[in-house]
């Protein structure tokens, strides 16, 4: 097991290797996340609507 000073040195050297995204990349990926969230919401709304409509039809037909 390494001593705390050595651990901090190794941690600092690993963090220095990280390639941080630029402003444009962050904005593009954030926009994509929001767009896909909207698409998923519309998809699940449509599926929910179809299931609800079918279930209401079955319950009113047999009820």
Protein backbone atom coordinates (compact mmCIF):
# COMPACT_ATOMS: atom_id res chain seq x y z
CA UNK A 1 0.00 0.00 0.00
CA UNK A 2 1.38 3.42 -1.02
CA UNK A 3 1.81 6.25 1.43
CA UNK A 4 -0.61 9.20 1.18
CA UNK A 5 1.97 11.54 -0.41
CA UNK A 6 2.71 9.03 -3.17
CA UNK A 7 -1.01 8.45 -3.70
CA UNK A 8 -1.61 12.20 -4.15
CA UNK A 9 1.26 12.42 -6.66
CA UNK A 10 -0.13 9.53 -8.69
CA UNK A 11 -3.64 10.97 -8.57
CA UNK A 12 -2.41 14.35 -9.74
CA UNK A 13 -0.50 12.80 -12.64
CA UNK A 14 -3.58 10.81 -13.73
CA UNK A 15 -5.81 13.89 -13.60
CA UNK A 16 -3.29 15.72 -15.79
CA UNK A 17 -3.84 13.05 -18.48
CA UNK A 18 -7.58 13.78 -18.71
CA UNK A 19 -8.67 15.47 -21.94
CA UNK A 20 -11.38 17.93 -20.94
CA UNK A 21 -14.10 18.74 -23.52
CA UNK A 22 -14.27 22.18 -25.03
CA UNK A 23 -17.23 24.55 -24.78
CA UNK A 24 -18.56 23.61 -28.23
CA UNK A 25 -18.41 19.87 -27.49
CA UNK A 26 -20.26 20.35 -24.21
CA UNK A 27 -22.98 22.42 -25.90
CA UNK A 28 -23.40 19.90 -28.74
CA UNK A 29 -23.65 16.89 -26.44
CA UNK A 30 -26.03 18.74 -24.11
CA UNK A 31 -28.25 19.60 -27.07
CA UNK A 32 -28.22 15.97 -28.20
CA UNK A 33 -29.22 14.79 -24.73
CA UNK A 34 -32.17 17.19 -24.65
CA UNK A 35 -33.22 16.25 -28.19
CA UNK A 36 -33.13 12.53 -27.44
CA UNK A 37 -35.04 13.10 -24.20
CA UNK A 38 -37.79 14.84 -26.18
CA UNK A 39 -37.86 12.03 -28.75
CA UNK A 40 -38.09 9.42 -25.97
CA UNK A 41 -40.88 11.37 -24.25
CA UNK A 42 -42.89 11.58 -27.48
CA UNK A 43 -42.33 7.88 -28.16
CA UNK A 44 -43.46 6.77 -24.71
CA UNK A 45 -46.42 9.17 -24.82
CA UNK A 46 -47.51 7.54 -28.08
CA UNK A 47 -47.13 4.01 -26.71
CA UNK A 48 -49.01 4.98 -23.55
CA UNK A 49 -51.79 6.55 -25.62
CA UNK A 50 -52.16 3.43 -27.77
CA UNK A 51 -52.26 1.09 -24.78
CA UNK A 52 -54.73 3.33 -22.94
CA UNK A 53 -57.00 3.58 -25.98
CA UNK A 54 -56.94 -0.18 -26.55
CA UNK A 55 -57.61 -0.87 -22.88
CA UNK A 56 -60.53 1.58 -22.78
CA UNK A 57 -61.98 -0.06 -25.90
CA UNK A 58 -61.72 -3.54 -24.40
CA UNK A 59 -63.21 -2.45 -21.08
CA UNK A 60 -66.14 -0.59 -22.67
CA UNK A 61 -66.79 -3.41 -25.16
CA UNK A 62 -66.81 -6.17 -22.56
CA UNK A 63 -67.91 -4.07 -19.59
